[in-house]
Amino acid sequence: MKTMAIGTTLAVDPRKIQSAYHFVSIIVLSLVLSCTRSAGAVQSSSQVPGKIGPRHASEEWIKYEASGIPYEVALEWLMGKESGWGSKRVLFVYLDPRYFNQDNLMLVFGNISSKIAQPTFLNLTLLTDRDLLKKRTDGYAGWIMSNETPYTRLTAESDTCCPPNFTGAQFDRYTDEARFLICKGGQAREVNAEIKRDPAKRQ
């Protein structure tokens, strides 16, 4: 597990970072600050302000791009109020398996995070299997599992590891930290980032 401390003044284009460590840290910075200068996005349909995905599983998935990486939001589940302190959103996202690597995942997570400003909590599950994702969204009703962890949110199976032959990623953004879990071929990679916020900007 890798842990990083994140400040609030650095602004670097992640596409210019060659080191994997620096790439992750800069992308995380863009996530926690919800920068208005995102990685670039193109959405396929007009939306209600603050809404980035369908609120019902029966609705059409919404397409976006992040620096040329296409992805689709399959479901955006609102937990409580729309925004502000105490608000939370659970999102399910599809990414073509051809684009599944850490760099692209960080671009997608950063792009989505820039659309939903702090202090809203985010729980984002990304899968590369359309059928599995549809099954997950069809059955989702906002329930919280008794043993809920980033692993259970992502895999709906294990609370401690990645199942064999499972591919997906989980991004959880809270007030003081962001957590990343990437599963591929039964192997897990975790990245945690501390969010340092200016108390004067608390709303």
N, C-alpha and C. Protein backbone atom coordinates (compact mmCIF):
# COMPACT_ATOMS: atom_id res chain seq x y z
N MET A 1 0.85 -1.19 0.00
CA MET A 1 0.00 0.00 0.00
C MET A 1 0.88 1.24 0.00
N LYS A 2 0.51 2.23 -0.79
CA LYS A 2 1.28 3.45 -0.89
C LYS A 2 0.46 4.60 -0.34
N THR A 3 1.07 5.45 0.52
CA THR A 3 0.36 6.57 1.11
C THR A 3 1.07 7.86 0.73
N MET A 4 0.28 8.89 0.38
CA MET A 4 0.85 10.16 -0.05
C MET A 4 0.17 11.29 0.67
N ALA A 5 0.90 12.38 0.91
CA ALA A 5 0.31 13.60 1.47
C ALA A 5 0.11 14.58 0.34
N ILE A 6 -1.07 15.17 0.27
CA ILE A 6 -1.42 16.03 -0.85
C ILE A 6 -1.63 17.45 -0.36
N GLY A 7 -0.97 18.42 -1.00
CA GLY A 7 -1.18 19.82 -0.66
C GLY A 7 -2.27 20.42 -1.51
N THR A 8 -2.41 21.74 -1.48
CA THR A 8 -3.50 22.36 -2.22
C THR A 8 -3.06 23.45 -3.18
N THR A 9 -1.75 23.60 -3.43
CA THR A 9 -1.31 24.71 -4.27
C THR A 9 -0.67 24.27 -5.58
N LEU A 10 -0.29 22.99 -5.69
CA LEU A 10 0.40 22.51 -6.88
C LEU A 10 -0.57 22.33 -8.03
N ALA A 11 -0.17 22.72 -9.25
CA ALA A 11 -1.01 22.53 -10.43
C ALA A 11 -0.13 22.07 -11.57
N VAL A 12 -0.18 20.81 -11.94
CA VAL A 12 0.68 20.24 -12.97
C VAL A 12 -0.18 19.42 -13.92
N ASP A 13 0.10 19.51 -15.22
CA ASP A 13 -0.59 18.68 -16.20
C ASP A 13 -0.13 17.24 -16.04
N PRO A 14 -1.02 16.28 -15.67
CA PRO A 14 -0.60 14.91 -15.44
C PRO A 14 -0.04 14.22 -16.67
N ARG A 15 -0.41 14.70 -17.87
CA ARG A 15 0.09 14.05 -19.08
C ARG A 15 1.58 14.27 -19.29
N LYS A 16 2.15 15.27 -18.57
CA LYS A 16 3.57 15.56 -18.73
C LYS A 16 4.42 14.85 -17.68
N ILE A 17 3.80 14.09 -16.81
CA ILE A 17 4.53 13.40 -15.75
C ILE A 17 4.89 12.00 -16.21
N GLN A 18 6.17 11.65 -16.19
CA GLN A 18 6.62 10.35 -16.66
C GLN A 18 6.70 9.35 -15.53
N SER A 19 7.07 9.78 -14.34
CA SER A 19 7.20 8.87 -13.21
C SER A 19 5.84 8.40 -12.75
N ALA A 20 5.67 7.10 -12.52
CA ALA A 20 4.38 6.56 -12.07
C ALA A 20 3.97 7.16 -10.74
N TYR A 21 4.92 7.31 -9.82
CA TYR A 21 4.60 7.87 -8.50
C TYR A 21 4.08 9.29 -8.63
N HIS A 22 4.80 10.11 -9.39
CA HIS A 22 4.38 11.49 -9.55
C HIS A 22 3.07 11.57 -10.31
N PHE A 23 2.88 10.67 -11.26
CA PHE A 23 1.63 10.68 -12.01
C PHE A 23 0.46 10.49 -11.07
N VAL A 24 0.56 9.49 -10.20
CA VAL A 24 -0.53 9.22 -9.26
C VAL A 24 -0.76 10.39 -8.33
N SER A 25 0.32 10.96 -7.78
CA SER A 25 0.16 12.03 -6.81
C SER A 25 -0.47 13.27 -7.43
N ILE A 26 -0.08 13.61 -8.66
CA ILE A 26 -0.64 14.81 -9.30
C ILE A 26 -2.09 14.59 -9.66
N ILE A 27 -2.43 13.39 -10.16
CA ILE A 27 -3.83 13.10 -10.48
C ILE A 27 -4.68 13.18 -9.22
N VAL A 28 -4.18 12.61 -8.13
CA VAL A 28 -4.94 12.66 -6.88
C VAL A 28 -5.16 14.10 -6.47
N LEU A 29 -4.16 14.94 -6.67
CA LEU A 29 -4.31 16.35 -6.34
C LEU A 29 -5.46 16.96 -7.13
N SER A 30 -5.53 16.65 -8.42
CA SER A 30 -6.61 17.22 -9.23
C SER A 30 -7.96 16.69 -8.77
N LEU A 31 -7.99 15.45 -8.26
CA LEU A 31 -9.24 14.90 -7.78
C LEU A 31 -9.74 15.62 -6.55
N VAL A 32 -8.86 15.77 -5.55
CA VAL A 32 -9.32 16.31 -4.27
C VAL A 32 -9.63 17.79 -4.36
N LEU A 33 -9.02 18.48 -5.29
CA LEU A 33 -9.32 19.90 -5.42
C LEU A 33 -10.49 20.15 -6.35
N SER A 34 -10.90 19.11 -7.09
CA SER A 34 -11.99 19.25 -8.07
C SER A 34 -11.72 20.44 -8.99
N CYS A 35 -10.56 20.43 -9.62
CA CYS A 35 -10.15 21.54 -10.46
C CYS A 35 -11.13 21.75 -11.60
N THR A 36 -11.34 22.99 -11.96
CA THR A 36 -12.22 23.29 -13.09
C THR A 36 -11.54 22.93 -14.40
N ARG A 37 -10.22 22.93 -14.42
CA ARG A 37 -9.52 22.51 -15.64
C ARG A 37 -9.35 21.01 -15.59
N SER A 38 -10.32 20.27 -16.11
CA SER A 38 -10.31 18.82 -16.04
C SER A 38 -9.48 18.26 -17.18
N ALA A 39 -9.44 16.90 -17.23
CA ALA A 39 -8.67 16.23 -18.27
C ALA A 39 -9.33 16.32 -19.62
N GLY A 40 -10.52 16.87 -19.68
CA GLY A 40 -11.24 17.01 -20.95
C GLY A 40 -12.37 16.03 -21.02
N ALA A 41 -13.56 16.47 -21.39
CA ALA A 41 -14.69 15.56 -21.41
C ALA A 41 -15.66 15.94 -22.52
N VAL A 42 -16.29 14.93 -23.09
CA VAL A 42 -17.35 15.14 -24.06
C VAL A 42 -18.51 14.26 -23.64
N GLN A 43 -19.65 14.84 -23.33
CA GLN A 43 -20.79 14.04 -22.93
C GLN A 43 -21.77 13.95 -24.09
N SER A 44 -22.54 12.85 -24.09
CA SER A 44 -23.37 12.56 -25.25
C SER A 44 -24.77 13.15 -25.15
N SER A 45 -25.19 13.64 -24.00
CA SER A 45 -26.53 14.17 -23.87
C SER A 45 -26.57 15.28 -22.84
N SER A 46 -27.55 16.19 -22.97
CA SER A 46 -27.69 17.27 -22.01
C SER A 46 -28.14 16.70 -20.68
N GLN A 47 -27.74 17.36 -19.59
CA GLN A 47 -28.01 16.84 -18.27
C GLN A 47 -28.43 17.94 -17.32
N VAL A 48 -29.08 17.52 -16.24
CA VAL A 48 -29.41 18.43 -15.16
C VAL A 48 -28.11 18.85 -14.49
N PRO A 49 -27.94 20.14 -14.14
CA PRO A 49 -26.72 20.57 -13.46
C PRO A 49 -26.43 19.73 -12.22
N GLY A 50 -25.20 19.27 -12.10
CA GLY A 50 -24.81 18.46 -10.96
C GLY A 50 -25.06 16.98 -11.14
N LYS A 51 -25.73 16.59 -12.20
CA LYS A 51 -26.03 15.19 -12.48
C LYS A 51 -25.15 14.72 -13.63
N ILE A 52 -24.36 13.67 -13.41
CA ILE A 52 -23.46 13.22 -14.47
C ILE A 52 -23.83 11.84 -15.01
N GLY A 53 -24.77 11.16 -14.36
CA GLY A 53 -25.14 9.82 -14.82
C GLY A 53 -26.61 9.56 -14.62
N PRO A 54 -27.12 8.48 -15.21
CA PRO A 54 -28.53 8.13 -15.03
C PRO A 54 -28.83 7.80 -13.57
N ARG A 55 -29.99 8.22 -13.11
CA ARG A 55 -30.38 7.98 -11.72
C ARG A 55 -31.19 6.68 -11.58
N HIS A 56 -31.50 6.03 -12.71
CA HIS A 56 -32.21 4.76 -12.69
C HIS A 56 -31.51 3.78 -13.63
N ALA A 57 -31.44 2.51 -13.22
CA ALA A 57 -30.72 1.51 -14.00
C ALA A 57 -31.32 1.31 -15.38
N SER A 58 -32.59 1.65 -15.57
CA SER A 58 -33.24 1.45 -16.86
C SER A 58 -32.87 2.52 -17.89
N GLU A 59 -32.22 3.60 -17.44
CA GLU A 59 -31.87 4.69 -18.34
C GLU A 59 -30.60 4.38 -19.13
N GLU A 60 -30.45 5.07 -20.24
CA GLU A 60 -29.27 4.87 -21.10
C GLU A 60 -28.01 5.38 -20.41
N TRP A 61 -26.93 4.63 -20.56
CA TRP A 61 -25.65 5.04 -19.99
C TRP A 61 -25.17 6.31 -20.68
N ILE A 62 -24.48 7.16 -19.94
CA ILE A 62 -24.01 8.44 -20.48
C ILE A 62 -22.52 8.35 -20.80
N LYS A 63 -22.16 8.76 -22.01
CA LYS A 63 -20.79 8.62 -22.50
C LYS A 63 -19.98 9.90 -22.27
N TYR A 64 -18.70 9.70 -21.93
CA TYR A 64 -17.76 10.80 -21.73
C TYR A 64 -16.41 10.42 -22.33
N GLU A 65 -15.53 11.42 -22.37
CA GLU A 65 -14.13 11.18 -22.72
C GLU A 65 -13.25 11.94 -21.74
N ALA A 66 -12.13 11.32 -21.38
CA ALA A 66 -11.12 11.97 -20.55
C ALA A 66 -9.79 11.87 -21.28
N SER A 67 -9.36 12.95 -21.90
CA SER A 67 -8.11 12.96 -22.68
C SER A 67 -8.07 11.83 -23.69
N GLY A 68 -9.19 11.64 -24.40
CA GLY A 68 -9.26 10.63 -25.44
C GLY A 68 -9.63 9.25 -24.94
N ILE A 69 -9.81 9.08 -23.62
CA ILE A 69 -10.19 7.78 -23.06
C ILE A 69 -11.71 7.76 -22.87
N PRO A 70 -12.43 6.95 -23.64
CA PRO A 70 -13.90 6.92 -23.51
C PRO A 70 -14.33 6.09 -22.31
N TYR A 71 -15.36 6.55 -21.63
CA TYR A 71 -15.95 5.78 -20.54
C TYR A 71 -17.43 6.11 -20.46
N GLU A 72 -18.19 5.30 -19.76
CA GLU A 72 -19.63 5.50 -19.64
C GLU A 72 -20.06 5.41 -18.18
N VAL A 73 -20.92 6.33 -17.76
CA VAL A 73 -21.49 6.28 -16.43
C VAL A 73 -22.81 5.52 -16.53
N ALA A 74 -22.88 4.37 -15.86
CA ALA A 74 -24.05 3.50 -15.96
C ALA A 74 -25.12 3.84 -14.93
N LEU A 75 -24.69 4.35 -13.77
CA LEU A 75 -25.64 4.69 -12.72
C LEU A 75 -25.00 5.68 -11.76
N GLU A 76 -25.78 6.66 -11.36
CA GLU A 76 -25.34 7.62 -10.34
C GLU A 76 -26.42 7.63 -9.25
N TRP A 77 -26.08 7.04 -8.13
CA TRP A 77 -27.04 6.89 -7.04
C TRP A 77 -26.82 8.00 -6.02
N LEU A 78 -27.84 8.78 -5.79
CA LEU A 78 -27.76 9.90 -4.86
C LEU A 78 -28.08 9.43 -3.45
N MET A 79 -27.17 9.70 -2.52
CA MET A 79 -27.39 9.35 -1.11
C MET A 79 -27.65 10.64 -0.35
N GLY A 80 -28.92 10.95 -0.07
CA GLY A 80 -29.24 12.18 0.64
C GLY A 80 -29.34 13.35 -0.32
N LYS A 81 -28.84 14.49 0.11
CA LYS A 81 -28.97 15.70 -0.70
C LYS A 81 -28.01 15.70 -1.88
N GLU A 82 -28.26 16.63 -2.82
CA GLU A 82 -27.53 16.67 -4.08
C GLU A 82 -26.06 17.04 -3.89
N SER A 83 -25.76 17.97 -3.01
CA SER A 83 -24.38 18.44 -2.83
C SER A 83 -24.21 19.03 -1.45
N GLY A 84 -22.95 19.42 -1.15
CA GLY A 84 -22.67 20.04 0.14
C GLY A 84 -22.28 19.02 1.20
N TRP A 85 -22.05 19.49 2.41
CA TRP A 85 -21.62 18.64 3.50
C TRP A 85 -22.68 17.59 3.81
N GLY A 86 -22.22 16.35 3.95
CA GLY A 86 -23.13 15.25 4.22
C GLY A 86 -23.70 14.59 2.99
N SER A 87 -23.40 15.10 1.80
CA SER A 87 -23.91 14.49 0.56
C SER A 87 -22.97 13.38 0.09
N LYS A 88 -23.53 12.43 -0.63
CA LYS A 88 -22.74 11.29 -1.11
C LYS A 88 -23.34 10.77 -2.40
N ARG A 89 -22.47 10.37 -3.32
CA ARG A 89 -22.93 9.76 -4.56
C ARG A 89 -22.18 8.46 -4.81
N VAL A 90 -22.93 7.46 -5.25
CA VAL A 90 -22.36 6.17 -5.62
C VAL A 90 -22.49 6.04 -7.13
N LEU A 91 -21.38 5.83 -7.81
CA LEU A 91 -21.38 5.76 -9.27
C LEU A 91 -20.85 4.41 -9.75
N PHE A 92 -21.43 3.93 -10.85
CA PHE A 92 -20.97 2.73 -11.53
C PHE A 92 -20.55 3.13 -12.94
N VAL A 93 -19.32 2.76 -13.31
CA VAL A 93 -18.72 3.25 -14.56
C VAL A 93 -18.20 2.08 -15.38
N TYR A 94 -18.38 2.19 -16.69
CA TYR A 94 -17.83 1.19 -17.61
C TYR A 94 -16.62 1.75 -18.34
N LEU A 95 -15.56 0.93 -18.43
CA LEU A 95 -14.37 1.26 -19.21
C LEU A 95 -14.01 0.06 -20.06
N ASP A 96 -13.82 0.30 -21.36
CA ASP A 96 -13.42 -0.78 -22.26
C ASP A 96 -12.11 -1.40 -21.75
N PRO A 97 -12.01 -2.74 -21.69
CA PRO A 97 -10.81 -3.39 -21.15
C PRO A 97 -9.52 -2.99 -21.86
N ARG A 98 -9.61 -2.52 -23.11
CA ARG A 98 -8.40 -2.10 -23.83
C ARG A 98 -7.74 -0.90 -23.15
N TYR A 99 -8.52 -0.12 -22.42
CA TYR A 99 -8.01 1.09 -21.79
C TYR A 99 -7.69 0.91 -20.31
N PHE A 100 -7.80 -0.32 -19.82
CA PHE A 100 -7.64 -0.53 -18.39
C PHE A 100 -6.17 -0.59 -18.00
N ASN A 101 -5.66 0.54 -17.54
CA ASN A 101 -4.34 0.61 -16.93
C ASN A 101 -4.36 1.77 -15.94
N GLN A 102 -3.37 1.84 -15.09
CA GLN A 102 -3.40 2.81 -13.99
C GLN A 102 -3.46 4.25 -14.49
N ASP A 103 -2.69 4.58 -15.51
CA ASP A 103 -2.69 5.95 -16.02
C ASP A 103 -4.09 6.36 -16.50
N ASN A 104 -4.72 5.49 -17.28
CA ASN A 104 -6.05 5.82 -17.80
C ASN A 104 -7.09 5.87 -16.69
N LEU A 105 -6.97 4.98 -15.72
CA LEU A 105 -7.91 5.00 -14.60
C LEU A 105 -7.83 6.32 -13.85
N MET A 106 -6.63 6.82 -13.63
CA MET A 106 -6.47 8.08 -12.92
C MET A 106 -7.06 9.25 -13.72
N LEU A 107 -6.94 9.19 -15.04
CA LEU A 107 -7.55 10.22 -15.87
C LEU A 107 -9.07 10.19 -15.75
N VAL A 108 -9.64 8.99 -15.79
CA VAL A 108 -11.10 8.85 -15.69
C VAL A 108 -11.58 9.29 -14.30
N PHE A 109 -10.91 8.82 -13.25
CA PHE A 109 -11.31 9.20 -11.90
C PHE A 109 -11.20 10.72 -11.71
N GLY A 110 -10.12 11.30 -12.23
CA GLY A 110 -9.93 12.74 -12.10
C GLY A 110 -11.00 13.52 -12.85
N ASN A 111 -11.37 13.01 -14.03
CA ASN A 111 -12.38 13.68 -14.83
C ASN A 111 -13.73 13.67 -14.13
N ILE A 112 -14.11 12.52 -13.57
CA ILE A 112 -15.38 12.42 -12.85
C ILE A 112 -15.36 13.27 -11.59
N SER A 113 -14.25 13.22 -10.87
CA SER A 113 -14.15 13.98 -9.62
C SER A 113 -14.25 15.47 -9.87
N SER A 114 -13.75 15.94 -11.00
CA SER A 114 -13.80 17.37 -11.30
C SER A 114 -15.23 17.83 -11.57
N LYS A 115 -16.12 16.89 -11.92
CA LYS A 115 -17.51 17.23 -12.20
C LYS A 115 -18.36 17.30 -10.94
N ILE A 116 -17.90 16.66 -9.87
CA ILE A 116 -18.66 16.61 -8.61
C ILE A 116 -17.78 17.21 -7.52
N ALA A 117 -18.06 18.43 -7.17
CA ALA A 117 -17.17 19.18 -6.28
C ALA A 117 -17.21 18.66 -4.86
N GLN A 118 -16.09 18.85 -4.16
CA GLN A 118 -16.05 18.65 -2.72
C GLN A 118 -17.07 19.58 -2.09
N PRO A 119 -17.65 19.24 -0.92
CA PRO A 119 -17.27 18.11 -0.06
C PRO A 119 -18.11 16.86 -0.26
N THR A 120 -18.78 16.70 -1.41
CA THR A 120 -19.57 15.49 -1.65
C THR A 120 -18.67 14.26 -1.64
N PHE A 121 -19.05 13.24 -0.87
CA PHE A 121 -18.33 11.98 -0.86
C PHE A 121 -18.63 11.23 -2.16
N LEU A 122 -17.61 10.54 -2.69
CA LEU A 122 -17.78 9.74 -3.90
C LEU A 122 -17.38 8.30 -3.63
N ASN A 123 -18.21 7.37 -4.05
CA ASN A 123 -17.85 5.95 -4.11
C ASN A 123 -18.06 5.52 -5.55
N LEU A 124 -16.97 5.24 -6.26
CA LEU A 124 -17.02 4.99 -7.70
C LEU A 124 -16.50 3.59 -7.99
N THR A 125 -17.34 2.77 -8.58
CA THR A 125 -16.96 1.41 -8.97
C THR A 125 -16.84 1.35 -10.48
N LEU A 126 -15.69 0.94 -10.99
CA LEU A 126 -15.43 0.86 -12.42
C LEU A 126 -15.19 -0.59 -12.82
N LEU A 127 -15.93 -1.06 -13.82
CA LEU A 127 -15.78 -2.43 -14.30
C LEU A 127 -15.56 -2.42 -15.81
N THR A 128 -14.97 -3.51 -16.33
CA THR A 128 -14.68 -3.63 -17.76
C THR A 128 -15.57 -4.67 -18.43
N ASP A 129 -16.51 -5.22 -17.69
CA ASP A 129 -17.45 -6.21 -18.22
C ASP A 129 -18.85 -5.59 -18.22
N ARG A 130 -19.40 -5.35 -19.41
CA ARG A 130 -20.70 -4.69 -19.51
C ARG A 130 -21.81 -5.50 -18.84
N ASP A 131 -21.82 -6.80 -19.08
CA ASP A 131 -22.87 -7.63 -18.50
C ASP A 131 -22.81 -7.64 -16.98
N LEU A 132 -21.60 -7.74 -16.45
CA LEU A 132 -21.45 -7.73 -14.99
C LEU A 132 -21.86 -6.38 -14.42
N LEU A 133 -21.49 -5.31 -15.10
CA LEU A 133 -21.85 -3.98 -14.61
C LEU A 133 -23.37 -3.79 -14.64
N LYS A 134 -24.02 -4.25 -15.71
CA LYS A 134 -25.48 -4.13 -15.79
C LYS A 134 -26.14 -4.93 -14.67
N LYS A 135 -25.61 -6.11 -14.39
CA LYS A 135 -26.15 -6.92 -13.30
C LYS A 135 -26.02 -6.19 -11.97
N ARG A 136 -24.87 -5.54 -11.78
CA ARG A 136 -24.64 -4.82 -10.52
C ARG A 136 -25.59 -3.62 -10.40
N THR A 137 -25.76 -2.87 -11.49
CA THR A 137 -26.63 -1.68 -11.41
C THR A 137 -28.10 -2.07 -11.29
N ASP A 138 -28.49 -3.14 -11.97
CA ASP A 138 -29.89 -3.58 -11.88
C ASP A 138 -30.26 -3.98 -10.45
N GLY A 139 -29.28 -4.53 -9.73
CA GLY A 139 -29.56 -5.00 -8.38
C GLY A 139 -29.23 -4.02 -7.27
N TYR A 140 -28.68 -2.86 -7.65
CA TYR A 140 -28.24 -1.91 -6.62
C TYR A 140 -29.42 -1.09 -6.11
N ALA A 141 -29.48 -0.95 -4.79
CA ALA A 141 -30.56 -0.17 -4.19
C ALA A 141 -30.07 0.70 -3.03
N GLY A 142 -28.76 0.99 -3.02
CA GLY A 142 -28.22 1.85 -1.99
C GLY A 142 -27.93 1.16 -0.68
N TRP A 143 -27.98 -0.18 -0.69
CA TRP A 143 -27.74 -0.90 0.55
C TRP A 143 -26.26 -0.85 0.93
N ILE A 144 -26.01 -0.89 2.23
CA ILE A 144 -24.64 -0.93 2.76
C ILE A 144 -24.42 -2.32 3.35
N MET A 145 -23.37 -2.98 2.88
CA MET A 145 -23.06 -4.32 3.38
C MET A 145 -22.48 -4.25 4.78
N SER A 146 -22.73 -5.27 5.58
CA SER A 146 -22.25 -5.28 6.96
C SER A 146 -20.73 -5.31 7.02
N ASN A 147 -20.09 -5.92 6.01
CA ASN A 147 -18.63 -6.01 5.97
C ASN A 147 -18.05 -5.11 4.88
N GLU A 148 -18.69 -3.97 4.63
CA GLU A 148 -18.32 -3.15 3.47
C GLU A 148 -16.90 -2.61 3.58
N THR A 149 -16.14 -2.82 2.52
CA THR A 149 -14.79 -2.32 2.35
C THR A 149 -14.65 -1.91 0.89
N PRO A 150 -13.54 -1.27 0.50
CA PRO A 150 -13.33 -1.01 -0.94
C PRO A 150 -13.40 -2.28 -1.77
N TYR A 151 -12.97 -3.42 -1.19
CA TYR A 151 -13.00 -4.69 -1.92
C TYR A 151 -14.44 -5.17 -2.14
N THR A 152 -15.27 -5.09 -1.10
CA THR A 152 -16.66 -5.54 -1.27
C THR A 152 -17.42 -4.60 -2.20
N ARG A 153 -17.13 -3.30 -2.13
CA ARG A 153 -17.81 -2.37 -3.04
C ARG A 153 -17.44 -2.68 -4.49
N LEU A 154 -16.19 -3.06 -4.71
CA LEU A 154 -15.73 -3.32 -6.07
C LEU A 154 -16.15 -4.71 -6.55
N THR A 155 -15.88 -5.74 -5.77
CA THR A 155 -16.06 -7.11 -6.23
C THR A 155 -17.40 -7.72 -5.84
N ALA A 156 -18.05 -7.17 -4.80
CA ALA A 156 -19.30 -7.74 -4.26
C ALA A 156 -19.08 -9.18 -3.80
N GLU A 157 -17.83 -9.53 -3.56
CA GLU A 157 -17.49 -10.89 -3.13
C GLU A 157 -16.60 -10.87 -1.89
N SER A 158 -15.34 -10.52 -2.10
CA SER A 158 -14.36 -10.58 -1.03
C SER A 158 -14.21 -9.23 -0.34
N ASP A 159 -13.92 -9.25 0.98
CA ASP A 159 -13.68 -8.00 1.69
C ASP A 159 -12.21 -7.75 1.93
N THR A 160 -11.34 -8.63 1.40
CA THR A 160 -9.91 -8.48 1.67
C THR A 160 -9.00 -8.64 0.45
N CYS A 161 -9.53 -9.16 -0.67
CA CYS A 161 -8.64 -9.43 -1.80
C CYS A 161 -9.42 -9.37 -3.11
N CYS A 162 -8.69 -9.46 -4.21
CA CYS A 162 -9.29 -9.46 -5.54
C CYS A 162 -9.47 -10.91 -6.02
N PRO A 163 -10.68 -11.29 -6.42
CA PRO A 163 -10.89 -12.65 -6.93
C PRO A 163 -10.08 -12.89 -8.20
N PRO A 164 -9.72 -14.14 -8.48
CA PRO A 164 -9.00 -14.45 -9.72
C PRO A 164 -9.83 -14.05 -10.94
N ASN A 165 -9.14 -13.60 -11.97
CA ASN A 165 -9.78 -13.22 -13.24
C ASN A 165 -10.77 -12.07 -13.12
N PHE A 166 -10.66 -11.29 -12.05
CA PHE A 166 -11.53 -10.13 -11.89
C PHE A 166 -10.76 -8.87 -12.26
N THR A 167 -11.40 -7.99 -13.05
CA THR A 167 -10.78 -6.73 -13.45
C THR A 167 -11.72 -5.58 -13.11
N GLY A 168 -11.21 -4.62 -12.37
CA GLY A 168 -12.01 -3.45 -12.02
C GLY A 168 -11.24 -2.54 -11.09
N ALA A 169 -11.84 -1.39 -10.79
CA ALA A 169 -11.17 -0.42 -9.92
C ALA A 169 -12.21 0.30 -9.08
N GLN A 170 -11.80 0.68 -7.87
CA GLN A 170 -12.67 1.40 -6.93
C GLN A 170 -11.99 2.70 -6.53
N PHE A 171 -12.75 3.79 -6.56
CA PHE A 171 -12.25 5.08 -6.11
C PHE A 171 -13.22 5.63 -5.07
N ASP A 172 -12.71 5.92 -3.88
CA ASP A 172 -13.52 6.49 -2.80
C ASP A 172 -12.91 7.81 -2.37
N ARG A 173 -13.69 8.88 -2.47
CA ARG A 173 -13.22 10.21 -2.07
C ARG A 173 -14.01 10.68 -0.86
N TYR A 174 -13.28 10.96 0.22
CA TYR A 174 -13.89 11.43 1.44
C TYR A 174 -13.39 12.85 1.73
N THR A 175 -13.73 13.38 2.91
CA THR A 175 -13.34 14.75 3.24
C THR A 175 -11.83 14.88 3.39
N ASP A 176 -11.19 13.91 4.03
CA ASP A 176 -9.77 14.03 4.35
C ASP A 176 -8.87 13.04 3.62
N GLU A 177 -9.43 12.18 2.81
CA GLU A 177 -8.60 11.21 2.11
C GLU A 177 -9.29 10.68 0.86
N ALA A 178 -8.48 10.15 -0.04
CA ALA A 178 -8.97 9.47 -1.23
C ALA A 178 -8.30 8.10 -1.28
N ARG A 179 -9.06 7.09 -1.68
CA ARG A 179 -8.54 5.73 -1.73
C ARG A 179 -8.78 5.13 -3.11
N PHE A 180 -7.76 4.45 -3.61
CA PHE A 180 -7.84 3.79 -4.90
C PHE A 180 -7.55 2.31 -4.72
N LEU A 181 -8.33 1.48 -5.37
CA LEU A 181 -8.09 0.04 -5.38
C LEU A 181 -8.20 -0.42 -6.82
N ILE A 182 -7.15 -1.06 -7.33
CA ILE A 182 -7.13 -1.55 -8.70
C ILE A 182 -6.93 -3.07 -8.65
N CYS A 183 -7.87 -3.81 -9.25
CA CYS A 183 -7.80 -5.27 -9.30
C CYS A 183 -7.62 -5.74 -10.73
N LYS A 184 -6.67 -6.62 -10.92
CA LYS A 184 -6.49 -7.22 -12.25
C LYS A 184 -5.79 -8.56 -12.09
N GLY A 185 -6.40 -9.60 -12.64
CA GLY A 185 -5.81 -10.93 -12.57
C GLY A 185 -5.59 -11.44 -11.17
N GLY A 186 -6.47 -11.07 -10.25
CA GLY A 186 -6.34 -11.53 -8.87
C GLY A 186 -5.36 -10.73 -8.05
N GLN A 187 -4.69 -9.75 -8.65
CA GLN A 187 -3.73 -8.92 -7.95
C GLN A 187 -4.34 -7.56 -7.61
N ALA A 188 -3.99 -7.04 -6.44
CA ALA A 188 -4.56 -5.77 -5.99
C ALA A 188 -3.46 -4.72 -5.85
N ARG A 189 -3.79 -3.50 -6.21
CA ARG A 189 -2.91 -2.36 -5.98
C ARG A 189 -3.72 -1.29 -5.27
N GLU A 190 -3.23 -0.83 -4.12
CA GLU A 190 -3.91 0.19 -3.35
C GLU A 190 -3.07 1.46 -3.30
N VAL A 191 -3.74 2.60 -3.44
CA VAL A 191 -3.08 3.90 -3.31
C VAL A 191 -3.98 4.77 -2.44
N ASN A 192 -3.44 5.27 -1.34
CA ASN A 192 -4.17 6.17 -0.46
C ASN A 192 -3.55 7.56 -0.53
N ALA A 193 -4.39 8.58 -0.47
CA ALA A 193 -3.90 9.96 -0.52
C ALA A 193 -4.58 10.77 0.56
N GLU A 194 -3.80 11.55 1.28
CA GLU A 194 -4.34 12.45 2.29
C GLU A 194 -4.79 13.75 1.62
N ILE A 195 -5.96 14.24 1.99
CA ILE A 195 -6.48 15.49 1.45
C ILE A 195 -6.30 16.58 2.48
N LYS A 196 -5.49 17.58 2.15
CA LYS A 196 -5.28 18.71 3.06
C LYS A 196 -6.13 19.87 2.58
N ARG A 197 -7.10 20.25 3.37
CA ARG A 197 -8.04 21.30 2.98
C ARG A 197 -7.83 22.54 3.82
N ASP A 198 -8.06 23.68 3.20
CA ASP A 198 -7.97 24.97 3.90
C ASP A 198 -9.25 25.16 4.73
N PRO A 199 -9.14 25.22 6.07
CA PRO A 199 -10.34 25.39 6.90
C PRO A 199 -11.15 26.62 6.52
N ALA A 200 -10.48 27.64 5.99
CA ALA A 200 -11.18 28.88 5.63
C ALA A 200 -12.13 28.67 4.45
N LYS A 201 -11.89 27.58 3.67
CA LYS A 201 -12.73 27.32 2.51
C LYS A 201 -13.87 26.38 2.82
N ARG A 202 -13.95 25.92 4.04
CA ARG A 202 -15.04 25.03 4.43
C ARG A 202 -16.37 25.78 4.36
N GLN A 203 -17.35 25.14 3.69
CA GLN A 203 -18.64 25.79 3.51
C GLN A 203 -19.69 25.18 4.41
